[in-house]
Amino acid sequence: MNAIDINTLSPEQKKSLENQLKADKREAKAKRANDLTAFKDLSESYIEKHIDSLVHHHEITGMMIEKLWNDFKPLRDLKAGVYGVKINDQDSYTVSSKDGSSSITVGYNVTIGFDGTESAGVEKIKEFLKSLSSDADNVKKLSAAVNTFLKPNVKTGMLNPSKIIELSKLKSEFNDDRFDEGLEIIMSAQQRRQNSMYVSGWKFVIIDGLSKKLEFRFTI
């Protein structure tokens, strides 16, 4: 399409073009309104079609997981006696078939938070870093890396547990009491909370004549 030079148009042509642009704008606005209405109607139909089956599936999954947990309790108690472990020390339990063809794990999803005292540990580690003076460039880079590990989550305001685990790998490399003490304070400030239950596992099955590992996980 060739560009239109408005300066070459007559007043009548300009008026016609202006009316056309307004009509196009109204048409686009009307189309958007119709599309929005269609989207909302389709969304409503989609929910009505599937929501009850999902709720039913949730209920069945919940009953299945509860049954699996109840059936596992005798195994858990026996394991505690045989291996001398405390039941409350574990978040999950795994059992596997003798031939290694299948396995089931029952467990709790765990979230890790902090009680507020971790800030003292963070400060100790930062003070230790400031005391290093042998190589200014390396210290600057190291401080930036550790500050990344000790950066609180924007939403929760808490440290990232997985980052703390990564930071703990530097313990032997630093070999400093202040770093060790700061890390110990942070680790002690962690609060583990068991929340939703889950069941996961796998089984080797024959599909199209080939043995394949079928994995599953259900959470409630």
C-alpha atoms as a PDB file:
ATOM      1  CA  MET A   1       0.000   0.000   0.000  1.00  0.00           C
ATOM      2  CA  ASN A   2       1.322   3.454  -0.928  1.00  0.00           C
ATOM      3  CA  ALA A   3       1.592   6.078   1.811  1.00  0.00           C
ATOM      4  CA  ILE A   4      -0.950   8.891   1.684  1.00  0.00           C
ATOM      5  CA  ASP A   5       0.297  12.449   1.706  1.00  0.00           C
ATOM      6  CA  ILE A   6      -2.396  14.260   3.695  1.00  0.00           C
ATOM      7  CA  ASN A   7      -1.263  17.616   2.377  1.00  0.00           C
ATOM      8  CA  THR A   8      -2.369  16.615  -1.125  1.00  0.00           C
ATOM      9  CA  LEU A   9      -5.914  15.720  -0.047  1.00  0.00           C
ATOM     10  CA  SER A  10      -8.884  17.995  -0.480  1.00  0.00           C
ATOM     11  CA  PRO A  11     -10.996  18.953   2.552  1.00  0.00           C
ATOM     12  CA  GLU A  12     -13.631  16.448   1.465  1.00  0.00           C
ATOM     13  CA  GLN A  13     -11.052  13.685   1.145  1.00  0.00           C
ATOM     14  CA  LYS A  14      -9.588  14.520   4.563  1.00  0.00           C
ATOM     15  CA  LYS A  15     -13.072  14.391   6.081  1.00  0.00           C
ATOM     16  CA  SER A  16     -13.745  11.052   4.412  1.00  0.00           C
ATOM     17  CA  LEU A  17     -10.434   9.683   5.676  1.00  0.00           C
ATOM     18  CA  GLU A  18     -11.168  10.913   9.189  1.00  0.00           C
ATOM     19  CA  ASN A  19     -14.587   9.229   9.146  1.00  0.00           C
ATOM     20  CA  GLN A  20     -13.017   5.991   7.886  1.00  0.00           C
ATOM     21  CA  LEU A  21     -10.445   6.033  10.683  1.00  0.00           C
ATOM     22  CA  LYS A  22     -13.178   6.573  13.276  1.00  0.00           C
ATOM     23  CA  ALA A  23     -15.222   3.728  11.784  1.00  0.00           C
ATOM     24  CA  ASP A  24     -12.182   1.424  11.844  1.00  0.00           C
ATOM     25  CA  LYS A  25     -11.556   2.344  15.474  1.00  0.00           C
ATOM     26  CA  ARG A  26     -15.179   1.621  16.429  1.00  0.00           C
ATOM     27  CA  GLU A  27     -15.032  -1.682  14.573  1.00  0.00           C
ATOM     28  CA  ALA A  28     -11.814  -2.702  16.345  1.00  0.00           C
ATOM     29  CA  LYS A  29     -13.300  -1.730  19.710  1.00  0.00           C
ATOM     30  CA  ALA A  30     -16.475  -3.699  19.016  1.00  0.00           C
ATOM     31  CA  LYS A  31     -14.437  -6.739  17.923  1.00  0.00           C
ATOM     32  CA  ARG A  32     -12.381  -6.633  21.101  1.00  0.00           C
ATOM     33  CA  ALA A  33     -15.538  -6.425  23.205  1.00  0.00           C
ATOM     34  CA  ASN A  34     -17.042  -9.393  21.344  1.00  0.00           C
ATOM     35  CA  ASP A  35     -13.817 -11.394  21.692  1.00  0.00           C
ATOM     36  CA  LEU A  36     -13.690 -10.624  25.406  1.00  0.00           C
ATOM     37  CA  THR A  37     -17.279 -11.785  25.845  1.00  0.00           C
ATOM     38  CA  ALA A  38     -16.535 -14.946  23.850  1.00  0.00           C
ATOM     39  CA  PHE A  39     -13.459 -15.617  25.985  1.00  0.00           C
ATOM     40  CA  LYS A  40     -15.438 -15.271  29.218  1.00  0.00           C
ATOM     41  CA  ASP A  41     -18.209 -17.518  27.887  1.00  0.00           C
ATOM     42  CA  LEU A  42     -15.737 -20.174  26.747  1.00  0.00           C
ATOM     43  CA  SER A  43     -13.920 -19.965  30.075  1.00  0.00           C
ATOM     44  CA  GLU A  44     -17.192 -20.538  31.907  1.00  0.00           C
ATOM     45  CA  SER A  45     -18.028 -23.538  29.695  1.00  0.00           C
ATOM     46  CA  TYR A  46     -14.520 -24.958  30.187  1.00  0.00           C
ATOM     47  CA  ILE A  47     -14.814 -24.728  33.978  1.00  0.00           C
ATOM     48  CA  GLU A  48     -18.288 -26.255  34.028  1.00  0.00           C
ATOM     49  CA  LYS A  49     -17.085 -29.124  31.831  1.00  0.00           C
ATOM     50  CA  HIS A  50     -14.024 -30.092  33.872  1.00  0.00           C
ATOM     51  CA  ILE A  51     -14.186 -28.757  37.456  1.00  0.00           C
ATOM     52  CA  ASP A  52     -16.304 -31.545  38.954  1.00  0.00           C
ATOM     53  CA  SER A  53     -14.103 -34.304  37.524  1.00  0.00           C
ATOM     54  CA  LEU A  54     -11.028 -32.557  38.944  1.00  0.00           C
ATOM     55  CA  VAL A  55     -12.650 -32.224  42.367  1.00  0.00           C
ATOM     56  CA  HIS A  56     -13.589 -35.907  42.231  1.00  0.00           C
ATOM     57  CA  HIS A  57     -10.045 -36.827  41.199  1.00  0.00           C
ATOM     58  CA  HIS A  58      -8.703 -34.765  44.109  1.00  0.00           C
ATOM     59  CA  GLU A  59     -10.947 -36.630  46.543  1.00  0.00           C
ATOM     60  CA  ILE A  60      -9.909 -40.033  45.167  1.00  0.00           C
ATOM     61  CA  THR A  61      -6.224 -39.068  45.267  1.00  0.00           C
ATOM     62  CA  GLY A  62      -6.606 -37.893  48.861  1.00  0.00           C
ATOM     63  CA  MET A  63      -8.190 -41.179  49.935  1.00  0.00           C
ATOM     64  CA  MET A  64      -5.540 -43.167  48.066  1.00  0.00           C
ATOM     65  CA  ILE A  65      -2.656 -41.297  49.721  1.00  0.00           C
ATOM     66  CA  GLU A  66      -4.249 -41.616  53.153  1.00  0.00           C
ATOM     67  CA  LYS A  67      -4.663 -45.370  52.637  1.00  0.00           C
ATOM     68  CA  LEU A  68      -1.064 -45.740  51.471  1.00  0.00           C
ATOM     69  CA  TRP A  69       0.153 -43.885  54.555  1.00  0.00           C
ATOM     70  CA  ASN A  70      -1.982 -46.011  56.890  1.00  0.00           C
ATOM     71  CA  ASP A  71      -0.806 -49.228  55.235  1.00  0.00           C
ATOM     72  CA  PHE A  72       2.797 -48.084  55.550  1.00  0.00           C
ATOM     73  CA  LYS A  73       2.711 -47.426  59.328  1.00  0.00           C
ATOM     74  CA  PRO A  74       3.544 -51.059  60.286  1.00  0.00           C
ATOM     75  CA  LEU A  75       6.534 -50.910  57.901  1.00  0.00           C
ATOM     76  CA  ARG A  76       7.631 -47.583  59.348  1.00  0.00           C
ATOM     77  CA  ASP A  77       7.453 -48.847  62.918  1.00  0.00           C
ATOM     78  CA  LEU A  78       9.338 -52.037  62.008  1.00  0.00           C
ATOM     79  CA  LYS A  79      12.019 -50.036  60.213  1.00  0.00           C
ATOM     80  CA  ALA A  80      12.440 -47.790  63.249  1.00  0.00           C
ATOM     81  CA  GLY A  81      13.048 -50.860  65.414  1.00  0.00           C
ATOM     82  CA  VAL A  82      15.365 -52.650  62.969  1.00  0.00           C
ATOM     83  CA  TYR A  83      17.519 -49.674  62.027  1.00  0.00           C
ATOM     84  CA  GLY A  84      17.222 -47.704  65.251  1.00  0.00           C
ATOM     85  CA  VAL A  85      15.946 -44.524  63.634  1.00  0.00           C
ATOM     86  CA  LYS A  86      13.478 -42.047  65.072  1.00  0.00           C
ATOM     87  CA  ILE A  87      10.186 -41.907  63.220  1.00  0.00           C
ATOM     88  CA  ASN A  88       9.891 -38.124  63.461  1.00  0.00           C
ATOM     89  CA  ASP A  89      13.362 -37.609  61.960  1.00  0.00           C
ATOM     90  CA  GLN A  90      12.254 -38.551  58.458  1.00  0.00           C
ATOM     91  CA  ASP A  91      10.106 -36.645  55.974  1.00  0.00           C
ATOM     92  CA  SER A  92       9.802 -39.559  53.553  1.00  0.00           C
ATOM     93  CA  TYR A  93      10.086 -43.349  53.389  1.00  0.00           C
ATOM     94  CA  THR A  94      10.929 -45.507  50.391  1.00  0.00           C
ATOM     95  CA  VAL A  95      10.405 -49.228  49.826  1.00  0.00           C
ATOM     96  CA  SER A  96      11.447 -51.159  46.725  1.00  0.00           C
ATOM     97  CA  SER A  97      10.641 -54.595  45.369  1.00  0.00           C
ATOM     98  CA  LYS A  98      13.227 -57.351  45.763  1.00  0.00           C
ATOM     99  CA  ASP A  99      13.870 -57.572  42.032  1.00  0.00           C
ATOM    100  CA  GLY A 100      14.230 -53.804  41.652  1.00  0.00           C
ATOM    101  CA  SER A 101      11.310 -53.527  39.268  1.00  0.00           C
ATOM    102  CA  SER A 102       9.253 -51.054  41.306  1.00  0.00           C
ATOM    103  CA  SER A 103       9.428 -48.599  44.193  1.00  0.00           C
ATOM    104  CA  ILE A 104       7.060 -46.502  46.309  1.00  0.00           C
ATOM    105  CA  THR A 105       7.870 -43.425  48.382  1.00  0.00           C
ATOM    106  CA  VAL A 106       5.466 -41.868  50.882  1.00  0.00           C
ATOM    107  CA  GLY A 107       6.409 -38.510  52.303  1.00  0.00           C
ATOM    108  CA  TYR A 108       5.643 -34.969  53.304  1.00  0.00           C
ATOM    109  CA  ASN A 109       6.474 -31.940  51.208  1.00  0.00           C
ATOM    110  CA  VAL A 110       8.618 -29.714  53.412  1.00  0.00           C
ATOM    111  CA  THR A 111       9.030 -25.950  53.462  1.00  0.00           C
ATOM    112  CA  ILE A 112      11.964 -24.312  55.206  1.00  0.00           C
ATOM    113  CA  GLY A 113      11.751 -20.916  56.834  1.00  0.00           C
ATOM    114  CA  PHE A 114      13.782 -19.011  59.413  1.00  0.00           C
ATOM    115  CA  ASP A 115      12.985 -17.792  62.926  1.00  0.00           C
ATOM    116  CA  GLY A 116      14.565 -14.348  62.541  1.00  0.00           C
ATOM    117  CA  THR A 117      17.872 -15.039  64.302  1.00  0.00           C
ATOM    118  CA  GLU A 118      19.605 -15.865  61.024  1.00  0.00           C
ATOM    119  CA  SER A 119      20.488 -12.187  60.541  1.00  0.00           C
ATOM    120  CA  ALA A 120      23.157 -12.476  63.262  1.00  0.00           C
ATOM    121  CA  GLY A 121      24.807 -15.269  61.304  1.00  0.00           C
ATOM    122  CA  VAL A 122      24.658 -13.258  58.090  1.00  0.00           C
ATOM    123  CA  GLU A 123      26.449 -10.355  59.771  1.00  0.00           C
ATOM    124  CA  LYS A 124      29.205 -12.619  61.138  1.00  0.00           C
ATOM    125  CA  ILE A 125      29.907 -14.017  57.693  1.00  0.00           C
ATOM    126  CA  LYS A 126      29.984 -10.545  56.169  1.00  0.00           C
ATOM    127  CA  GLU A 127      32.361  -9.336  58.899  1.00  0.00           C
ATOM    128  CA  PHE A 128      34.668 -12.247  58.133  1.00  0.00           C
ATOM    129  CA  LEU A 129      34.715 -11.318  54.453  1.00  0.00           C
ATOM    130  CA  LYS A 130      35.542  -7.701  55.266  1.00  0.00           C
ATOM    131  CA  SER A 131      38.539  -8.867  57.305  1.00  0.00           C
ATOM    132  CA  LEU A 132      40.138 -10.460  54.236  1.00  0.00           C
ATOM    133  CA  SER A 133      42.671  -8.101  52.702  1.00  0.00           C
ATOM    134  CA  SER A 134      45.238 -10.186  50.846  1.00  0.00           C
ATOM    135  CA  ASP A 135      43.683  -9.719  47.400  1.00  0.00           C
ATOM    136  CA  ALA A 136      41.221  -6.855  47.042  1.00  0.00           C
ATOM    137  CA  ASP A 137      39.836  -7.997  43.673  1.00  0.00           C
ATOM    138  CA  ASN A 138      39.212 -11.563  44.786  1.00  0.00           C
ATOM    139  CA  VAL A 139      37.685 -10.415  48.065  1.00  0.00           C
ATOM    140  CA  LYS A 140      35.328  -8.132  46.141  1.00  0.00           C
ATOM    141  CA  LYS A 141      34.250 -10.982  43.875  1.00  0.00           C
ATOM    142  CA  LEU A 142      33.898 -13.371  46.818  1.00  0.00           C
ATOM    143  CA  SER A 143      31.835 -10.850  48.767  1.00  0.00           C
ATOM    144  CA  ALA A 144      29.519 -10.394  45.794  1.00  0.00           C
ATOM    145  CA  ALA A 145      29.077 -14.170  45.492  1.00  0.00           C
ATOM    146  CA  VAL A 146      28.362 -14.669  49.196  1.00  0.00           C
ATOM    147  CA  ASN A 147      25.986 -11.697  49.235  1.00  0.00           C
ATOM    148  CA  THR A 148      24.084 -13.472  46.463  1.00  0.00           C
ATOM    149  CA  PHE A 149      23.841 -16.582  48.635  1.00  0.00           C
ATOM    150  CA  LEU A 150      22.652 -14.478  51.570  1.00  0.00           C
ATOM    151  CA  LYS A 151      20.185 -12.356  49.608  1.00  0.00           C
ATOM    152  CA  PRO A 152      16.655 -12.616  51.090  1.00  0.00           C
ATOM    153  CA  ASN A 153      13.696 -13.558  48.922  1.00  0.00           C
ATOM    154  CA  VAL A 154      11.927 -10.390  47.773  1.00  0.00           C
ATOM    155  CA  LYS A 155       8.458 -11.756  48.641  1.00  0.00           C
ATOM    156  CA  THR A 156       9.161 -13.633  51.886  1.00  0.00           C
ATOM    157  CA  GLY A 157      12.101 -11.627  53.183  1.00  0.00           C
ATOM    158  CA  MET A 158      13.800 -14.924  54.092  1.00  0.00           C
ATOM    159  CA  LEU A 159      16.997 -16.573  52.932  1.00  0.00           C
ATOM    160  CA  ASN A 160      16.960 -19.254  50.271  1.00  0.00           C
ATOM    161  CA  PRO A 161      17.613 -22.637  51.997  1.00  0.00           C
ATOM    162  CA  SER A 162      19.162 -24.180  48.882  1.00  0.00           C
ATOM    163  CA  LYS A 163      21.588 -21.244  48.641  1.00  0.00           C
ATOM    164  CA  ILE A 164      22.604 -21.769  52.281  1.00  0.00           C
ATOM    165  CA  ILE A 165      23.422 -25.396  51.495  1.00  0.00           C
ATOM    166  CA  GLU A 166      25.617 -24.200  48.615  1.00  0.00           C
ATOM    167  CA  LEU A 167      27.290 -21.687  50.924  1.00  0.00           C
ATOM    168  CA  SER A 168      28.041 -24.409  53.489  1.00  0.00           C
ATOM    169  CA  LYS A 169      30.252 -26.126  50.889  1.00  0.00           C
ATOM    170  CA  LEU A 170      32.739 -23.261  51.351  1.00  0.00           C
ATOM    171  CA  LYS A 171      33.162 -24.070  55.047  1.00  0.00           C
ATOM    172  CA  SER A 172      36.281 -26.235  54.685  1.00  0.00           C
ATOM    173  CA  GLU A 173      37.757 -23.849  52.126  1.00  0.00           C
ATOM    174  CA  PHE A 174      37.477 -20.810  54.411  1.00  0.00           C
ATOM    175  CA  ASN A 175      38.369 -22.711  57.620  1.00  0.00           C
ATOM    176  CA  ASP A 176      37.504 -19.738  59.831  1.00  0.00           C
ATOM    177  CA  ASP A 177      35.694 -19.777  63.182  1.00  0.00           C
ATOM    178  CA  ARG A 178      33.711 -16.644  62.360  1.00  0.00           C
ATOM    179  CA  PHE A 179      32.426 -18.085  59.097  1.00  0.00           C
ATOM    180  CA  ASP A 180      31.635 -21.415  60.794  1.00  0.00           C
ATOM    181  CA  GLU A 181      29.800 -19.674  63.649  1.00  0.00           C
ATOM    182  CA  GLY A 182      27.794 -17.495  61.257  1.00  0.00           C
ATOM    183  CA  LEU A 183      26.826 -20.511  59.180  1.00  0.00           C
ATOM    184  CA  GLU A 184      25.868 -22.467  62.319  1.00  0.00           C
ATOM    185  CA  ILE A 185      23.586 -19.613  63.468  1.00  0.00           C
ATOM    186  CA  ILE A 186      21.875 -19.569  60.077  1.00  0.00           C
ATOM    187  CA  MET A 187      21.427 -23.353  59.998  1.00  0.00           C
ATOM    188  CA  SER A 188      20.053 -23.353  63.564  1.00  0.00           C
ATOM    189  CA  ALA A 189      17.568 -20.639  62.629  1.00  0.00           C
ATOM    190  CA  GLN A 190      15.957 -22.862  60.004  1.00  0.00           C
ATOM    191  CA  GLN A 191      12.414 -24.051  60.671  1.00  0.00           C
ATOM    192  CA  ARG A 192      11.257 -27.154  58.809  1.00  0.00           C
ATOM    193  CA  ARG A 193       7.514 -27.521  58.333  1.00  0.00           C
ATOM    194  CA  GLN A 194       5.821 -30.623  56.994  1.00  0.00           C
ATOM    195  CA  ASN A 195       2.773 -29.703  54.948  1.00  0.00           C
ATOM    196  CA  SER A 196       1.136 -31.646  52.116  1.00  0.00           C
ATOM    197  CA  MET A 197       1.533 -35.413  51.807  1.00  0.00           C
ATOM    198  CA  TYR A 198       2.701 -37.107  48.637  1.00  0.00           C
ATOM    199  CA  VAL A 199       3.222 -40.528  47.132  1.00  0.00           C
ATOM    200  CA  SER A 200       5.725 -41.088  44.364  1.00  0.00           C
ATOM    201  CA  GLY A 201       7.426 -44.031  42.750  1.00  0.00           C
ATOM    202  CA  TRP A 202       8.087 -45.985  39.610  1.00  0.00           C
ATOM    203  CA  LYS A 203       7.640 -49.356  37.960  1.00  0.00           C
ATOM    204  CA  PHE A 204       9.154 -50.974  34.908  1.00  0.00           C
ATOM    205  CA  VAL A 205       6.317 -51.839  32.539  1.00  0.00           C
ATOM    206  CA  ILE A 206       6.189 -53.375  29.079  1.00  0.00           C
ATOM    207  CA  ILE A 207       5.004 -50.891  26.427  1.00  0.00           C
ATOM    208  CA  ASP A 208       5.035 -51.920  22.772  1.00  0.00           C
ATOM    209  CA  GLY A 209       7.284 -54.843  23.656  1.00  0.00           C
ATOM    210  CA  LEU A 210       9.859 -52.626  25.386  1.00  0.00           C
ATOM    211  CA  SER A 211      10.555 -52.274  29.102  1.00  0.00           C
ATOM    212  CA  LYS A 212      10.054 -48.674  30.186  1.00  0.00           C
ATOM    213  CA  LYS A 213      10.242 -46.977  33.582  1.00  0.00           C
ATOM    214  CA  LEU A 214       6.857 -45.475  34.421  1.00  0.00           C
ATOM    215  CA  GLU A 215       7.182 -42.776  37.112  1.00  0.00           C
ATOM    216  CA  PHE A 216       4.375 -41.181  39.116  1.00  0.00           C
ATOM    217  CA  ARG A 217       3.824 -38.597  41.866  1.00  0.00           C
ATOM    218  CA  PHE A 218       0.593 -37.586  43.598  1.00  0.00           C
ATOM    219  CA  THR A 219       0.251 -34.775  46.147  1.00  0.00           C
ATOM    220  CA  ILE A 220      -2.633 -33.858  48.409  1.00  0.00           C
END
